[in-house]
Amino acid sequence: MARNSIRFTDNTMRISQRVESKMKDAMTDIILDLKRVASSSAPTDTGFLERNVQHDISIKPNKLEGKVGFSAINNGFDYAKW
């Protein structure tokens, strides 16, 4: 009687890490593109807004979040509230 054995390798952790890495790469591309478009759409009288754009990407369990924001405070005046 022939005996055959089959071995299964659990690659779920490795696959999960690769998917997370690719998702972060994709989110980074999207956020940087959004940052570029938003920055080029900002008024350019002084270039202040264009120079003060930030972005952030955070990964939490079951959540990937990207943010783009502008600082609009110049000499104590908040242009975003004006």
PDB file of N, CA and C in Angstrom:
ATOM      1  N   MET A   1       0.846  -1.167   0.000  1.00  0.00           N
ATOM      2  CA  MET A   1       0.000   0.000   0.000  1.00  0.00           C
ATOM      3  C   MET A   1       0.900   1.242   0.000  1.00  0.00           C
ATOM      4  N   ALA A   2       0.665   2.120  -0.936  1.00  0.00           N
ATOM      5  CA  ALA A   2       1.460   3.347  -1.060  1.00  0.00           C
ATOM      6  C   ALA A   2       0.919   4.408  -0.110  1.00  0.00           C
ATOM      7  N   ARG A   3       1.857   5.102   0.474  1.00  0.00           N
ATOM      8  CA  ARG A   3       1.452   6.191   1.368  1.00  0.00           C
ATOM      9  C   ARG A   3       1.856   7.494   0.706  1.00  0.00           C
ATOM     10  N   ASN A   4       0.935   8.363   0.616  1.00  0.00           N
ATOM     11  CA  ASN A   4       1.193   9.708   0.093  1.00  0.00           C
ATOM     12  C   ASN A   4       0.962  10.704   1.212  1.00  0.00           C
ATOM     13  N   SER A   5       1.816  11.673   1.241  1.00  0.00           N
ATOM     14  CA  SER A   5       1.590  12.715   2.233  1.00  0.00           C
ATOM     15  C   SER A   5       1.545  14.061   1.514  1.00  0.00           C
ATOM     16  N   ILE A   6       0.719  14.883   2.003  1.00  0.00           N
ATOM     17  CA  ILE A   6       0.565  16.221   1.451  1.00  0.00           C
ATOM     18  C   ILE A   6       0.875  17.209   2.576  1.00  0.00           C
ATOM     19  N   ARG A   7       1.744  18.147   2.256  1.00  0.00           N
ATOM     20  CA  ARG A   7       2.077  19.180   3.238  1.00  0.00           C
ATOM     21  C   ARG A   7       1.483  20.508   2.777  1.00  0.00           C
ATOM     22  N   PHE A   8       0.829  21.162   3.663  1.00  0.00           N
ATOM     23  CA  PHE A   8       0.291  22.482   3.391  1.00  0.00           C
ATOM     24  C   PHE A   8       1.100  23.512   4.173  1.00  0.00           C
ATOM     25  N   THR A   9       1.463  24.569   3.500  1.00  0.00           N
ATOM     26  CA  THR A   9       2.185  25.643   4.158  1.00  0.00           C
ATOM     27  C   THR A   9       1.229  26.808   4.336  1.00  0.00           C
ATOM     28  N   ASP A  10       1.117  27.277   5.545  1.00  0.00           N
ATOM     29  CA  ASP A  10       0.242  28.413   5.839  1.00  0.00           C
ATOM     30  C   ASP A  10       0.978  29.711   5.503  1.00  0.00           C
ATOM     31  N   ASN A  11       0.604  30.320   4.404  1.00  0.00           N
ATOM     32  CA  ASN A  11       1.218  31.572   3.964  1.00  0.00           C
ATOM     33  C   ASN A  11       0.328  32.780   4.220  1.00  0.00           C
ATOM     34  N   THR A  12      -0.690  32.624   5.031  1.00  0.00           N
ATOM     35  CA  THR A  12      -1.631  33.730   5.225  1.00  0.00           C
ATOM     36  C   THR A  12      -0.961  34.961   5.826  1.00  0.00           C
ATOM     37  N   MET A  13      -0.023  34.769   6.729  1.00  0.00           N
ATOM     38  CA  MET A  13       0.652  35.915   7.343  1.00  0.00           C
ATOM     39  C   MET A  13       1.505  36.636   6.293  1.00  0.00           C
ATOM     40  N   ARG A  14       2.230  35.876   5.505  1.00  0.00           N
ATOM     41  CA  ARG A  14       3.074  36.477   4.464  1.00  0.00           C
ATOM     42  C   ARG A  14       2.223  37.206   3.420  1.00  0.00           C
ATOM     43  N   ILE A  15       1.119  36.603   3.029  1.00  0.00           N
ATOM     44  CA  ILE A  15       0.220  37.236   2.062  1.00  0.00           C
ATOM     45  C   ILE A  15      -0.382  38.504   2.658  1.00  0.00           C
ATOM     46  N   SER A  16      -0.799  38.436   3.909  1.00  0.00           N
ATOM     47  CA  SER A  16      -1.378  39.595   4.583  1.00  0.00           C
ATOM     48  C   SER A  16      -0.381  40.756   4.641  1.00  0.00           C
ATOM     49  N   GLN A  17       0.877  40.458   4.944  1.00  0.00           N
ATOM     50  CA  GLN A  17       1.905  41.499   4.997  1.00  0.00           C
ATOM     51  C   GLN A  17       2.146  42.110   3.624  1.00  0.00           C
ATOM     52  N   ARG A  18       2.147  41.290   2.590  1.00  0.00           N
ATOM     53  CA  ARG A  18       2.361  41.804   1.231  1.00  0.00           C
ATOM     54  C   ARG A  18       1.185  42.671   0.784  1.00  0.00           C
ATOM     55  N   VAL A  19      -0.026  42.244   1.111  1.00  0.00           N
ATOM     56  CA  VAL A  19      -1.209  43.028   0.756  1.00  0.00           C
ATOM     57  C   VAL A  19      -1.175  44.368   1.480  1.00  0.00           C
ATOM     58  N   GLU A  20      -0.839  44.354   2.766  1.00  0.00           N
ATOM     59  CA  GLU A  20      -0.763  45.594   3.540  1.00  0.00           C
ATOM     60  C   GLU A  20       0.287  46.531   2.949  1.00  0.00           C
ATOM     61  N   SER A  21       1.425  45.993   2.563  1.00  0.00           N
ATOM     62  CA  SER A  21       2.484  46.801   1.965  1.00  0.00           C
ATOM     63  C   SER A  21       2.030  47.424   0.649  1.00  0.00           C
ATOM     64  N   LYS A  22       1.369  46.637  -0.182  1.00  0.00           N
ATOM     65  CA  LYS A  22       0.884  47.145  -1.476  1.00  0.00           C
ATOM     66  C   LYS A  22      -0.223  48.176  -1.279  1.00  0.00           C
ATOM     67  N   MET A  23      -1.067  47.974  -0.275  1.00  0.00           N
ATOM     68  CA  MET A  23      -2.120  48.955   0.011  1.00  0.00           C
ATOM     69  C   MET A  23      -1.502  50.273   0.458  1.00  0.00           C
ATOM     70  N   LYS A  24      -0.468  50.207   1.289  1.00  0.00           N
ATOM     71  CA  LYS A  24       0.197  51.431   1.742  1.00  0.00           C
ATOM     72  C   LYS A  24       0.871  52.133   0.567  1.00  0.00           C
ATOM     73  N   ASP A  25       1.499  51.375  -0.331  1.00  0.00           N
ATOM     74  CA  ASP A  25       2.114  51.965  -1.517  1.00  0.00           C
ATOM     75  C   ASP A  25       1.074  52.670  -2.380  1.00  0.00           C
ATOM     76  N   ALA A  26      -0.076  52.016  -2.577  1.00  0.00           N
ATOM     77  CA  ALA A  26      -1.147  52.607  -3.388  1.00  0.00           C
ATOM     78  C   ALA A  26      -1.697  53.870  -2.720  1.00  0.00           C
ATOM     79  N   MET A  27      -1.905  53.815  -1.406  1.00  0.00           N
ATOM     80  CA  MET A  27      -2.413  54.980  -0.682  1.00  0.00           C
ATOM     81  C   MET A  27      -1.413  56.124  -0.754  1.00  0.00           C
ATOM     82  N   THR A  28      -0.129  55.818  -0.658  1.00  0.00           N
ATOM     83  CA  THR A  28       0.904  56.851  -0.761  1.00  0.00           C
ATOM     84  C   THR A  28       0.843  57.523  -2.124  1.00  0.00           C
ATOM     85  N   ASP A  29       0.723  56.734  -3.189  1.00  0.00           N
ATOM     86  CA  ASP A  29       0.608  57.304  -4.538  1.00  0.00           C
ATOM     87  C   ASP A  29      -0.613  58.213  -4.654  1.00  0.00           C
ATOM     88  N   ILE A  30      -1.733  57.755  -4.118  1.00  0.00           N
ATOM     89  CA  ILE A  30      -2.983  58.527  -4.196  1.00  0.00           C
ATOM     90  C   ILE A  30      -2.858  59.833  -3.410  1.00  0.00           C
ATOM     91  N   ILE A  31      -2.341  59.750  -2.188  1.00  0.00           N
ATOM     92  CA  ILE A  31      -2.222  60.935  -1.327  1.00  0.00           C
ATOM     93  C   ILE A  31      -1.249  61.940  -1.928  1.00  0.00           C
ATOM     94  N   LEU A  32      -0.113  61.467  -2.450  1.00  0.00           N
ATOM     95  CA  LEU A  32       0.845  62.393  -3.054  1.00  0.00           C
ATOM     96  C   LEU A  32       0.268  63.048  -4.306  1.00  0.00           C
ATOM     97  N   ASP A  33      -0.540  62.308  -5.068  1.00  0.00           N
ATOM     98  CA  ASP A  33      -1.197  62.896  -6.233  1.00  0.00           C
ATOM     99  C   ASP A  33      -2.232  63.930  -5.806  1.00  0.00           C
ATOM    100  N   LEU A  34      -3.013  63.602  -4.776  1.00  0.00           N
ATOM    101  CA  LEU A  34      -3.989  64.552  -4.241  1.00  0.00           C
ATOM    102  C   LEU A  34      -3.288  65.801  -3.714  1.00  0.00           C
ATOM    103  N   LYS A  35      -2.170  65.608  -3.035  1.00  0.00           N
ATOM    104  CA  LYS A  35      -1.394  66.733  -2.512  1.00  0.00           C
ATOM    105  C   LYS A  35      -0.906  67.628  -3.653  1.00  0.00           C
ATOM    106  N   ARG A  36      -0.421  67.013  -4.723  1.00  0.00           N
ATOM    107  CA  ARG A  36       0.068  67.769  -5.876  1.00  0.00           C
ATOM    108  C   ARG A  36      -1.064  68.566  -6.531  1.00  0.00           C
ATOM    109  N   VAL A  37      -2.212  67.915  -6.737  1.00  0.00           N
ATOM    110  CA  VAL A  37      -3.352  68.590  -7.377  1.00  0.00           C
ATOM    111  C   VAL A  37      -3.878  69.711  -6.487  1.00  0.00           C
ATOM    112  N   ALA A  38      -4.029  69.440  -5.191  1.00  0.00           N
ATOM    113  CA  ALA A  38      -4.537  70.471  -4.271  1.00  0.00           C
ATOM    114  C   ALA A  38      -3.562  71.636  -4.184  1.00  0.00           C
ATOM    115  N   SER A  39      -2.284  71.333  -4.149  1.00  0.00           N
ATOM    116  CA  SER A  39      -1.274  72.385  -4.051  1.00  0.00           C
ATOM    117  C   SER A  39      -1.258  73.253  -5.309  1.00  0.00           C
ATOM    118  N   SER A  40      -1.378  72.623  -6.465  1.00  0.00           N
ATOM    119  CA  SER A  40      -1.357  73.405  -7.702  1.00  0.00           C
ATOM    120  C   SER A  40      -2.656  74.187  -7.907  1.00  0.00           C
ATOM    121  N   SER A  41      -3.719  73.799  -7.185  1.00  0.00           N
ATOM    122  CA  SER A  41      -4.996  74.508  -7.292  1.00  0.00           C
ATOM    123  C   SER A  41      -5.104  75.664  -6.297  1.00  0.00           C
ATOM    124  N   ALA A  42      -4.187  75.735  -5.353  1.00  0.00           N
ATOM    125  CA  ALA A  42      -4.227  76.787  -4.325  1.00  0.00           C
ATOM    126  C   ALA A  42      -3.844  78.129  -4.938  1.00  0.00           C
ATOM    127  N   PRO A  43      -4.397  79.214  -4.398  1.00  0.00           N
ATOM    128  CA  PRO A  43      -3.994  80.538  -4.886  1.00  0.00           C
ATOM    129  C   PRO A  43      -2.485  80.730  -4.716  1.00  0.00           C
ATOM    130  N   THR A  44      -1.876  81.405  -5.677  1.00  0.00           N
ATOM    131  CA  THR A  44      -0.411  81.516  -5.641  1.00  0.00           C
ATOM    132  C   THR A  44       0.087  82.955  -5.537  1.00  0.00           C
ATOM    133  N   ASP A  45      -0.677  83.814  -4.874  1.00  0.00           N
ATOM    134  CA  ASP A  45      -0.214  85.195  -4.697  1.00  0.00           C
ATOM    135  C   ASP A  45       1.165  85.227  -4.046  1.00  0.00           C
ATOM    136  N   THR A  46       1.287  84.485  -2.951  1.00  0.00           N
ATOM    137  CA  THR A  46       2.567  84.474  -2.233  1.00  0.00           C
ATOM    138  C   THR A  46       3.209  83.085  -2.236  1.00  0.00           C
ATOM    139  N   GLY A  47       2.452  82.052  -2.593  1.00  0.00           N
ATOM    140  CA  GLY A  47       2.960  80.687  -2.545  1.00  0.00           C
ATOM    141  C   GLY A  47       2.928  80.099  -1.147  1.00  0.00           C
ATOM    142  N   PHE A  48       2.327  80.827  -0.184  1.00  0.00           N
ATOM    143  CA  PHE A  48       2.306  80.397   1.208  1.00  0.00           C
ATOM    144  C   PHE A  48       1.605  79.052   1.378  1.00  0.00           C
ATOM    145  N   LEU A  49       0.392  78.927   0.816  1.00  0.00           N
ATOM    146  CA  LEU A  49      -0.343  77.667   0.954  1.00  0.00           C
ATOM    147  C   LEU A  49       0.405  76.524   0.280  1.00  0.00           C
ATOM    148  N   GLU A  50       0.944  76.783  -0.875  1.00  0.00           N
ATOM    149  CA  GLU A  50       1.648  75.755  -1.628  1.00  0.00           C
ATOM    150  C   GLU A  50       2.844  75.208  -0.839  1.00  0.00           C
ATOM    151  N   ARG A  51       3.508  76.046  -0.087  1.00  0.00           N
ATOM    152  CA  ARG A  51       4.668  75.622   0.700  1.00  0.00           C
ATOM    153  C   ARG A  51       4.284  74.962   2.019  1.00  0.00           C
ATOM    154  N   ASN A  52       3.039  75.084   2.432  1.00  0.00           N
ATOM    155  CA  ASN A  52       2.625  74.593   3.748  1.00  0.00           C
ATOM    156  C   ASN A  52       1.579  73.487   3.658  1.00  0.00           C
ATOM    157  N   VAL A  53       1.786  72.575   2.751  1.00  0.00           N
ATOM    158  CA  VAL A  53       0.899  71.422   2.615  1.00  0.00           C
ATOM    159  C   VAL A  53       1.568  70.225   3.290  1.00  0.00           C
ATOM    160  N   GLN A  54       0.766  69.448   4.008  1.00  0.00           N
ATOM    161  CA  GLN A  54       1.272  68.253   4.680  1.00  0.00           C
ATOM    162  C   GLN A  54       0.425  67.053   4.266  1.00  0.00           C
ATOM    163  N   HIS A  55       1.014  65.874   4.431  1.00  0.00           N
ATOM    164  CA  HIS A  55       0.234  64.656   4.225  1.00  0.00           C
ATOM    165  C   HIS A  55       0.601  63.647   5.298  1.00  0.00           C
ATOM    166  N   ASP A  56      -0.317  62.726   5.548  1.00  0.00           N
ATOM    167  CA  ASP A  56      -0.107  61.703   6.563  1.00  0.00           C
ATOM    168  C   ASP A  56      -0.833  60.437   6.134  1.00  0.00           C
ATOM    169  N   ILE A  57      -0.207  59.312   6.369  1.00  0.00           N
ATOM    170  CA  ILE A  57      -0.825  58.017   6.089  1.00  0.00           C
ATOM    171  C   ILE A  57      -0.693  57.178   7.349  1.00  0.00           C
ATOM    172  N   SER A  58      -1.813  56.616   7.803  1.00  0.00           N
ATOM    173  CA  SER A  58      -1.762  55.783   9.001  1.00  0.00           C
ATOM    174  C   SER A  58      -2.429  54.443   8.720  1.00  0.00           C
ATOM    175  N   ILE A  59      -1.834  53.418   9.293  1.00  0.00           N
ATOM    176  CA  ILE A  59      -2.370  52.064   9.171  1.00  0.00           C
ATOM    177  C   ILE A  59      -2.730  51.586  10.566  1.00  0.00           C
ATOM    178  N   LYS A  60      -3.981  51.197  10.695  1.00  0.00           N
ATOM    179  CA  LYS A  60      -4.471  50.635  11.948  1.00  0.00           C
ATOM    180  C   LYS A  60      -5.159  49.318  11.593  1.00  0.00           C
ATOM    181  N   PRO A  61      -5.429  48.486  12.568  1.00  0.00           N
ATOM    182  CA  PRO A  61      -6.136  47.243  12.237  1.00  0.00           C
ATOM    183  C   PRO A  61      -7.443  47.535  11.492  1.00  0.00           C
ATOM    184  N   ASN A  62      -7.574  46.956  10.328  1.00  0.00           N
ATOM    185  CA  ASN A  62      -8.769  47.089   9.479  1.00  0.00           C
ATOM    186  C   ASN A  62      -9.031  48.518   9.022  1.00  0.00           C
ATOM    187  N   LYS A  63      -7.997  49.369   8.994  1.00  0.00           N
ATOM    188  CA  LYS A  63      -8.206  50.750   8.572  1.00  0.00           C
ATOM    189  C   LYS A  63      -6.922  51.329   7.993  1.00  0.00           C
ATOM    190  N   LEU A  64      -7.033  51.884   6.810  1.00  0.00           N
ATOM    191  CA  LEU A  64      -5.939  52.595   6.167  1.00  0.00           C
ATOM    192  C   LEU A  64      -6.459  53.990   5.885  1.00  0.00           C
ATOM    193  N   GLU A  65      -5.748  55.009   6.358  1.00  0.00           N
ATOM    194  CA  GLU A  65      -6.252  56.372   6.258  1.00  0.00           C
ATOM    195  C   GLU A  65      -5.164  57.299   5.732  1.00  0.00           C
ATOM    196  N   GLY A  66      -5.551  58.164   4.810  1.00  0.00           N
ATOM    197  CA  GLY A  66      -4.637  59.161   4.286  1.00  0.00           C
ATOM    198  C   GLY A  66      -5.252  60.542   4.423  1.00  0.00           C
ATOM    199  N   LYS A  67      -4.408  61.518   4.740  1.00  0.00           N
ATOM    200  CA  LYS A  67      -4.889  62.895   4.915  1.00  0.00           C
ATOM    201  C   LYS A  67      -3.959  63.858   4.194  1.00  0.00           C
ATOM    202  N   VAL A  68      -4.552  64.906   3.635  1.00  0.00           N
ATOM    203  CA  VAL A  68      -3.801  66.021   3.054  1.00  0.00           C
ATOM    204  C   VAL A  68      -4.349  67.281   3.704  1.00  0.00           C
ATOM    205  N   GLY A  69      -3.463  68.153   4.151  1.00  0.00           N
ATOM    206  CA  GLY A  69      -3.919  69.377   4.799  1.00  0.00           C
ATOM    207  C   GLY A  69      -2.993  70.546   4.513  1.00  0.00           C
ATOM    208  N   PHE A  70      -3.546  71.724   4.644  1.00  0.00           N
ATOM    209  CA  PHE A  70      -2.787  72.953   4.434  1.00  0.00           C
ATOM    210  C   PHE A  70      -2.771  73.754   5.716  1.00  0.00           C
ATOM    211  N   SER A  71      -1.671  74.368   6.001  1.00  0.00           N
ATOM    212  CA  SER A  71      -1.581  75.312   7.097  1.00  0.00           C
ATOM    213  C   SER A  71      -1.876  76.691   6.513  1.00  0.00           C
ATOM    214  N   ALA A  72      -2.808  77.391   7.111  1.00  0.00           N
ATOM    215  CA  ALA A  72      -3.197  78.685   6.565  1.00  0.00           C
ATOM    216  C   ALA A  72      -2.952  79.814   7.553  1.00  0.00           C
ATOM    217  N   ILE A  73      -2.064  79.600   8.509  1.00  0.00           N
ATOM    218  CA  ILE A  73      -1.773  80.635   9.499  1.00  0.00           C
ATOM    219  C   ILE A  73      -0.485  81.341   9.094  1.00  0.00           C
ATOM    220  N   ASN A  74      -0.581  82.648   8.925  1.00  0.00           N
ATOM    221  CA  ASN A  74       0.569  83.451   8.529  1.00  0.00           C
ATOM    222  C   ASN A  74       0.584  84.705   9.391  1.00  0.00           C
ATOM    223  N   ASN A  75       1.667  84.922  10.092  1.00  0.00           N
ATOM    224  CA  ASN A  75       1.791  86.061  11.012  1.00  0.00           C
ATOM    225  C   ASN A  75       0.632  86.126  12.001  1.00  0.00           C
ATOM    226  N   GLY A  76       0.218  84.961  12.506  1.00  0.00           N
ATOM    227  CA  GLY A  76      -0.852  84.889  13.491  1.00  0.00           C
ATOM    228  C   GLY A  76      -2.247  84.985  12.926  1.00  0.00           C
ATOM    229  N   PHE A  77      -2.396  85.179  11.631  1.00  0.00           N
ATOM    230  CA  PHE A  77      -3.727  85.307  11.007  1.00  0.00           C
ATOM    231  C   PHE A  77      -4.085  83.982  10.347  1.00  0.00           C
ATOM    232  N   ASP A  78      -5.271  83.459  10.690  1.00  0.00           N
ATOM    233  CA  ASP A  78      -5.721  82.182  10.140  1.00  0.00           C
ATOM    234  C   ASP A  78      -6.566  82.438   8.880  1.00  0.00           C
ATOM    235  N   TYR A  79      -5.966  82.279   7.739  1.00  0.00           N
ATOM    236  CA  TYR A  79      -6.646  82.523   6.479  1.00  0.00           C
ATOM    237  C   TYR A  79      -7.760  81.530   6.208  1.00  0.00           C
ATOM    238  N   ALA A  80      -7.710  80.367   6.842  1.00  0.00           N
ATOM    239  CA  ALA A  80      -8.749  79.365   6.643  1.00  0.00           C
ATOM    240  C   ALA A  80     -10.055  79.800   7.303  1.00  0.00           C
ATOM    241  N   LYS A  81      -9.989  80.614   8.334  1.00  0.00           N
ATOM    242  CA  LYS A  81     -11.203  81.077   9.029  1.00  0.00           C
ATOM    243  C   LYS A  81     -11.688  82.407   8.517  1.00  0.00           C
ATOM    244  N   TRP A  82     -10.904  83.046   7.696  1.00  0.00           N
ATOM    245  CA  TRP A  82     -11.262  84.370   7.227  1.00  0.00           C
ATOM    246  C   TRP A  82     -12.411  84.362   6.282  1.00  0.00           C
TER     247      TRP A  82
END
